[in-house]
N, C-alpha and C. Protein backbone atom coordinates (compact mmCIF):
# COMPACT_ATOMS: atom_id res chain seq x y z
N MET A 1 21.08 -68.84 100.26
CA MET A 1 19.75 -69.03 99.74
C MET A 1 19.85 -69.52 98.29
N THR A 2 19.01 -70.43 97.93
CA THR A 2 19.00 -70.99 96.60
C THR A 2 18.34 -70.03 95.62
N GLU A 3 18.95 -69.87 94.45
CA GLU A 3 18.39 -69.00 93.42
C GLU A 3 17.32 -69.75 92.64
N PHE A 4 16.45 -69.00 91.98
CA PHE A 4 15.46 -69.60 91.09
C PHE A 4 16.15 -70.04 89.80
N THR A 5 15.69 -71.15 89.23
CA THR A 5 16.17 -71.55 87.92
C THR A 5 15.48 -70.68 86.87
N GLN A 6 16.01 -70.73 85.65
CA GLN A 6 15.39 -70.00 84.55
C GLN A 6 13.94 -70.48 84.37
N ASN A 7 13.75 -71.79 84.43
CA ASN A 7 12.42 -72.36 84.24
C ASN A 7 11.46 -71.90 85.34
N GLU A 8 11.93 -71.88 86.58
CA GLU A 8 11.08 -71.43 87.69
C GLU A 8 10.68 -69.97 87.52
N LEU A 9 11.63 -69.14 87.11
CA LEU A 9 11.31 -67.73 86.88
C LEU A 9 10.30 -67.56 85.75
N GLN A 10 10.45 -68.35 84.70
CA GLN A 10 9.49 -68.28 83.59
C GLN A 10 8.10 -68.68 84.07
N MET A 11 8.03 -69.71 84.90
CA MET A 11 6.73 -70.15 85.44
C MET A 11 6.11 -69.06 86.31
N ILE A 12 6.92 -68.41 87.12
CA ILE A 12 6.41 -67.32 87.96
C ILE A 12 5.87 -66.20 87.08
N ALA A 13 6.62 -65.82 86.05
CA ALA A 13 6.17 -64.76 85.14
C ALA A 13 4.85 -65.14 84.47
N ASP A 14 4.74 -66.39 84.02
CA ASP A 14 3.51 -66.85 83.38
C ASP A 14 2.33 -66.79 84.35
N LEU A 15 2.55 -67.22 85.59
CA LEU A 15 1.48 -67.18 86.59
C LEU A 15 1.07 -65.74 86.92
N LEU A 16 2.05 -64.85 86.99
CA LEU A 16 1.73 -63.44 87.23
C LEU A 16 0.91 -62.85 86.09
N ASP A 17 1.23 -63.24 84.85
CA ASP A 17 0.43 -62.78 83.71
C ASP A 17 -1.01 -63.31 83.80
N GLN A 18 -1.15 -64.57 84.18
CA GLN A 18 -2.49 -65.14 84.34
C GLN A 18 -3.26 -64.41 85.44
N CYS A 19 -2.57 -64.11 86.51
CA CYS A 19 -3.18 -63.36 87.62
C CYS A 19 -3.63 -61.98 87.14
N ALA A 20 -2.77 -61.29 86.38
CA ALA A 20 -3.11 -59.97 85.87
C ALA A 20 -4.34 -60.04 84.98
N ASP A 21 -4.42 -61.07 84.12
CA ASP A 21 -5.59 -61.22 83.25
C ASP A 21 -6.86 -61.41 84.07
N ARG A 22 -6.79 -62.23 85.09
CA ARG A 22 -7.98 -62.47 85.92
C ARG A 22 -8.38 -61.22 86.71
N LEU A 23 -7.38 -60.55 87.29
CA LEU A 23 -7.68 -59.34 88.04
C LEU A 23 -8.27 -58.26 87.13
N GLY A 24 -7.81 -58.21 85.89
CA GLY A 24 -8.32 -57.23 84.95
C GLY A 24 -9.79 -57.42 84.63
N ASN A 25 -10.30 -58.62 84.87
CA ASN A 25 -11.72 -58.90 84.63
C ASN A 25 -12.58 -58.73 85.87
N ASP A 26 -11.97 -58.36 86.99
CA ASP A 26 -12.74 -58.13 88.21
C ASP A 26 -13.67 -56.93 88.03
N GLY A 27 -14.74 -56.93 88.78
CA GLY A 27 -15.65 -55.79 88.74
C GLY A 27 -15.04 -54.55 89.37
N CYS A 28 -14.16 -54.75 90.31
CA CYS A 28 -13.48 -53.65 90.99
C CYS A 28 -11.99 -53.91 90.94
N ASN A 29 -11.24 -52.97 90.41
CA ASN A 29 -9.80 -53.15 90.24
C ASN A 29 -8.99 -52.30 91.21
N ASP A 30 -9.58 -51.92 92.31
CA ASP A 30 -8.90 -51.03 93.24
C ASP A 30 -7.81 -51.75 94.02
N SER A 31 -6.67 -51.11 94.07
CA SER A 31 -5.56 -51.56 94.89
C SER A 31 -4.90 -50.30 95.42
N TRP A 32 -4.49 -50.33 96.68
CA TRP A 32 -3.93 -49.14 97.32
C TRP A 32 -2.57 -49.45 97.91
N LEU A 33 -1.66 -48.51 97.76
CA LEU A 33 -0.34 -48.59 98.37
C LEU A 33 -0.18 -47.41 99.32
N PRO A 34 0.62 -47.56 100.37
CA PRO A 34 0.89 -46.40 101.23
C PRO A 34 1.51 -45.26 100.40
N ASP A 35 1.17 -44.05 100.74
CA ASP A 35 1.63 -42.87 100.00
C ASP A 35 3.07 -42.55 100.40
N THR A 36 4.01 -43.21 99.72
CA THR A 36 5.43 -42.95 99.93
C THR A 36 6.06 -42.60 98.58
N ASP A 37 7.20 -41.95 98.61
CA ASP A 37 7.90 -41.62 97.37
C ASP A 37 8.30 -42.89 96.62
N GLU A 38 8.72 -43.91 97.34
CA GLU A 38 9.11 -45.17 96.71
C GLU A 38 7.92 -45.81 95.98
N ASN A 39 6.75 -45.83 96.62
CA ASN A 39 5.57 -46.39 95.98
C ASN A 39 5.11 -45.55 94.79
N TRP A 40 5.23 -44.22 94.89
CA TRP A 40 4.88 -43.36 93.77
C TRP A 40 5.79 -43.66 92.57
N GLU A 41 7.09 -43.85 92.83
CA GLU A 41 8.02 -44.20 91.75
C GLU A 41 7.64 -45.53 91.11
N LEU A 42 7.25 -46.50 91.92
CA LEU A 42 6.81 -47.80 91.41
C LEU A 42 5.57 -47.65 90.53
N ILE A 43 4.60 -46.85 90.98
CA ILE A 43 3.39 -46.63 90.18
C ILE A 43 3.74 -45.96 88.86
N GLN A 44 4.64 -45.00 88.88
CA GLN A 44 5.05 -44.35 87.64
C GLN A 44 5.68 -45.36 86.68
N GLN A 45 6.51 -46.25 87.20
CA GLN A 45 7.13 -47.27 86.35
C GLN A 45 6.06 -48.20 85.76
N MET A 46 5.09 -48.59 86.58
CA MET A 46 4.01 -49.46 86.10
C MET A 46 3.20 -48.76 85.01
N GLN A 47 2.87 -47.49 85.22
CA GLN A 47 2.08 -46.77 84.23
C GLN A 47 2.84 -46.61 82.92
N ARG A 48 4.12 -46.34 82.99
CA ARG A 48 4.93 -46.17 81.77
C ARG A 48 5.11 -47.49 81.03
N ARG A 49 5.13 -48.57 81.75
CA ARG A 49 5.21 -49.88 81.11
C ARG A 49 3.87 -50.24 80.49
N ASN A 50 2.79 -49.85 81.12
CA ASN A 50 1.44 -50.15 80.63
C ASN A 50 1.08 -49.34 79.39
N SER A 51 1.58 -48.11 79.30
CA SER A 51 1.28 -47.25 78.15
C SER A 51 2.46 -46.33 77.88
N LYS A 52 2.83 -46.22 76.63
CA LYS A 52 3.92 -45.31 76.24
C LYS A 52 3.41 -43.89 76.03
N ASP A 53 2.10 -43.70 76.06
CA ASP A 53 1.49 -42.38 75.82
C ASP A 53 1.40 -41.60 77.13
N PRO A 54 2.16 -40.50 77.25
CA PRO A 54 2.14 -39.71 78.49
C PRO A 54 0.75 -39.22 78.89
N ARG A 55 -0.17 -39.14 77.95
CA ARG A 55 -1.55 -38.71 78.31
C ARG A 55 -2.25 -39.75 79.17
N ASP A 56 -1.74 -40.97 79.17
CA ASP A 56 -2.33 -42.04 79.99
C ASP A 56 -1.75 -42.09 81.39
N TRP A 57 -0.71 -41.33 81.64
CA TRP A 57 -0.05 -41.37 82.94
C TRP A 57 -0.72 -40.40 83.91
N ASP A 58 -0.96 -40.86 85.12
CA ASP A 58 -1.57 -40.02 86.15
C ASP A 58 -0.52 -39.18 86.86
N THR A 59 -0.99 -38.09 87.47
CA THR A 59 -0.13 -37.34 88.38
C THR A 59 -0.32 -37.93 89.77
N ARG A 60 0.57 -37.62 90.66
CA ARG A 60 0.45 -38.13 92.02
C ARG A 60 -0.86 -37.66 92.65
N LYS A 61 -1.23 -36.43 92.35
CA LYS A 61 -2.49 -35.88 92.88
C LYS A 61 -3.69 -36.69 92.39
N ASP A 62 -3.63 -37.15 91.13
CA ASP A 62 -4.74 -37.92 90.55
C ASP A 62 -4.99 -39.24 91.28
N VAL A 63 -3.95 -39.84 91.83
CA VAL A 63 -4.08 -41.19 92.39
C VAL A 63 -4.04 -41.22 93.92
N THR A 64 -3.96 -40.06 94.55
CA THR A 64 -3.80 -40.01 96.00
C THR A 64 -5.09 -39.57 96.69
N ASN A 65 -5.45 -40.28 97.74
CA ASN A 65 -6.51 -39.83 98.64
C ASN A 65 -6.18 -40.33 100.04
N GLU A 66 -7.14 -40.31 100.93
CA GLU A 66 -6.86 -40.69 102.32
C GLU A 66 -6.46 -42.15 102.46
N ARG A 67 -6.75 -42.98 101.47
CA ARG A 67 -6.38 -44.40 101.52
C ARG A 67 -4.94 -44.63 101.06
N GLY A 68 -4.38 -43.68 100.35
CA GLY A 68 -3.02 -43.83 99.84
C GLY A 68 -2.97 -43.60 98.34
N LEU A 69 -2.12 -44.36 97.67
CA LEU A 69 -1.93 -44.25 96.22
C LEU A 69 -2.71 -45.37 95.53
N PHE A 70 -3.55 -44.99 94.59
CA PHE A 70 -4.36 -45.96 93.86
C PHE A 70 -3.58 -46.51 92.67
N ILE A 71 -3.70 -47.81 92.46
CA ILE A 71 -3.17 -48.46 91.25
C ILE A 71 -4.15 -49.58 90.89
N PRO A 72 -4.52 -49.69 89.61
CA PRO A 72 -5.36 -50.84 89.24
C PRO A 72 -4.64 -52.14 89.58
N ASN A 73 -5.34 -53.05 90.21
CA ASN A 73 -4.70 -54.26 90.75
C ASN A 73 -4.02 -55.13 89.70
N PHE A 74 -4.50 -55.12 88.47
CA PHE A 74 -3.90 -55.97 87.44
C PHE A 74 -2.53 -55.47 86.97
N MET A 75 -2.25 -54.17 87.20
CA MET A 75 -0.98 -53.62 86.73
C MET A 75 0.22 -54.16 87.53
N THR A 76 0.00 -54.48 88.79
CA THR A 76 1.11 -54.93 89.63
C THR A 76 1.66 -56.29 89.18
N PRO A 77 0.84 -57.34 89.05
CA PRO A 77 1.42 -58.61 88.60
C PRO A 77 1.95 -58.53 87.16
N ALA A 78 1.30 -57.75 86.30
CA ALA A 78 1.79 -57.61 84.92
C ALA A 78 3.16 -56.95 84.91
N TYR A 79 3.35 -55.96 85.76
CA TYR A 79 4.64 -55.26 85.85
C TYR A 79 5.74 -56.20 86.35
N PHE A 80 5.44 -56.97 87.40
CA PHE A 80 6.45 -57.88 87.93
C PHE A 80 6.76 -59.02 86.96
N ALA A 81 5.77 -59.48 86.20
CA ALA A 81 6.03 -60.49 85.16
C ALA A 81 7.00 -59.92 84.12
N HIS A 82 6.78 -58.67 83.73
CA HIS A 82 7.67 -58.00 82.79
C HIS A 82 9.09 -57.91 83.36
N LYS A 83 9.22 -57.52 84.62
CA LYS A 83 10.54 -57.39 85.25
C LYS A 83 11.26 -58.74 85.32
N ILE A 84 10.53 -59.81 85.61
CA ILE A 84 11.13 -61.14 85.66
C ILE A 84 11.63 -61.53 84.27
N ARG A 85 10.85 -61.25 83.24
CA ARG A 85 11.29 -61.58 81.88
C ARG A 85 12.53 -60.76 81.48
N GLU A 86 12.61 -59.53 81.93
CA GLU A 86 13.81 -58.74 81.68
C GLU A 86 15.01 -59.36 82.39
N LEU A 87 14.82 -59.83 83.62
CA LEU A 87 15.88 -60.51 84.36
C LEU A 87 16.32 -61.77 83.62
N LEU A 88 15.37 -62.52 83.08
CA LEU A 88 15.70 -63.73 82.33
C LEU A 88 16.55 -63.40 81.10
N LYS A 89 16.22 -62.32 80.40
CA LYS A 89 17.00 -61.91 79.23
C LYS A 89 18.44 -61.58 79.64
N ILE A 90 18.59 -60.87 80.75
CA ILE A 90 19.93 -60.51 81.22
C ILE A 90 20.72 -61.76 81.59
N ARG A 91 20.09 -62.69 82.28
CA ARG A 91 20.77 -63.93 82.66
C ARG A 91 21.20 -64.70 81.42
N GLU A 92 20.34 -64.78 80.42
CA GLU A 92 20.67 -65.52 79.20
C GLU A 92 21.85 -64.87 78.48
N MET A 93 21.91 -63.54 78.49
CA MET A 93 23.01 -62.85 77.85
C MET A 93 24.32 -63.07 78.61
N ASN A 94 24.24 -63.17 79.94
CA ASN A 94 25.44 -63.32 80.76
C ASN A 94 25.94 -64.75 80.88
N GLU A 95 25.09 -65.74 80.58
CA GLU A 95 25.48 -67.13 80.75
C GLU A 95 25.15 -67.96 79.50
N PRO A 96 25.50 -67.51 78.31
CA PRO A 96 25.12 -68.25 77.11
C PRO A 96 25.75 -69.63 77.01
N GLU A 97 26.97 -69.78 77.49
CA GLU A 97 27.63 -71.08 77.38
C GLU A 97 26.98 -72.11 78.28
N ILE A 98 26.43 -71.70 79.41
CA ILE A 98 25.75 -72.64 80.30
C ILE A 98 24.34 -72.89 79.80
N GLN A 99 23.65 -71.85 79.35
CA GLN A 99 22.28 -72.00 78.88
C GLN A 99 22.19 -72.89 77.63
N GLY A 100 23.13 -72.70 76.70
CA GLY A 100 22.99 -73.35 75.42
C GLY A 100 23.72 -74.68 75.28
N ASN A 101 24.43 -75.15 76.27
CA ASN A 101 25.24 -76.35 76.14
C ASN A 101 24.56 -77.53 76.83
N ALA A 102 24.18 -78.52 76.03
CA ALA A 102 23.51 -79.70 76.59
C ALA A 102 24.45 -80.52 77.45
N ASN A 103 25.76 -80.30 77.31
CA ASN A 103 26.74 -81.06 78.06
C ASN A 103 27.19 -80.35 79.34
N THR A 104 26.42 -79.37 79.80
CA THR A 104 26.76 -78.64 81.01
C THR A 104 26.87 -79.61 82.18
N THR A 105 27.93 -79.48 82.94
CA THR A 105 28.14 -80.38 84.07
C THR A 105 27.29 -79.97 85.26
N ALA A 106 27.10 -80.93 86.14
CA ALA A 106 26.35 -80.65 87.36
C ALA A 106 27.05 -79.58 88.18
N ASP A 107 28.39 -79.57 88.14
CA ASP A 107 29.14 -78.56 88.88
C ASP A 107 28.85 -77.16 88.35
N GLN A 108 28.72 -77.01 87.02
CA GLN A 108 28.41 -75.70 86.43
C GLN A 108 27.00 -75.26 86.81
N ARG A 109 26.07 -76.21 86.86
CA ARG A 109 24.69 -75.88 87.18
C ARG A 109 24.47 -75.67 88.67
N GLY A 110 25.26 -76.30 89.49
CA GLY A 110 25.05 -76.24 90.92
C GLY A 110 24.15 -77.37 91.36
N ARG A 111 23.77 -77.39 92.59
CA ARG A 111 22.94 -78.45 93.13
C ARG A 111 21.57 -78.45 92.49
N ARG A 112 21.01 -79.64 92.27
CA ARG A 112 19.67 -79.85 91.74
C ARG A 112 19.43 -79.11 90.41
N GLY A 113 20.48 -78.92 89.61
CA GLY A 113 20.30 -78.34 88.28
C GLY A 113 20.08 -76.85 88.27
N ARG A 114 20.29 -76.18 89.37
CA ARG A 114 20.08 -74.76 89.43
C ARG A 114 21.30 -74.03 88.90
N LEU A 115 21.07 -73.02 88.08
CA LEU A 115 22.16 -72.21 87.59
C LEU A 115 22.62 -71.25 88.67
N ARG A 116 23.89 -71.01 88.70
CA ARG A 116 24.42 -70.07 89.68
C ARG A 116 24.30 -68.67 89.15
């Protein structure tokens, strides 16, 4: 499977941020996930990224009802945009000679200019 280029990942992150901004302006921000431990962990990560203040973090009981686990819909794309940008930072740190060299060969980049 072909990997995303740095530019493609940046575009995805930008689009996710735009999506989060638009969803944040919706009249209703309800989004529900199945009540699983994995989804609860994901919600906790999203809440901690959204606010560093523990008073802003919900308990599982606060967000759970018969529909599942509640999360404001704008937090999901914002969280994934953040994760993509973290991935981009890691890639840049691991491949500085390829990222910063204008003379990078096609073989180093792989097919169609994609970084390996």
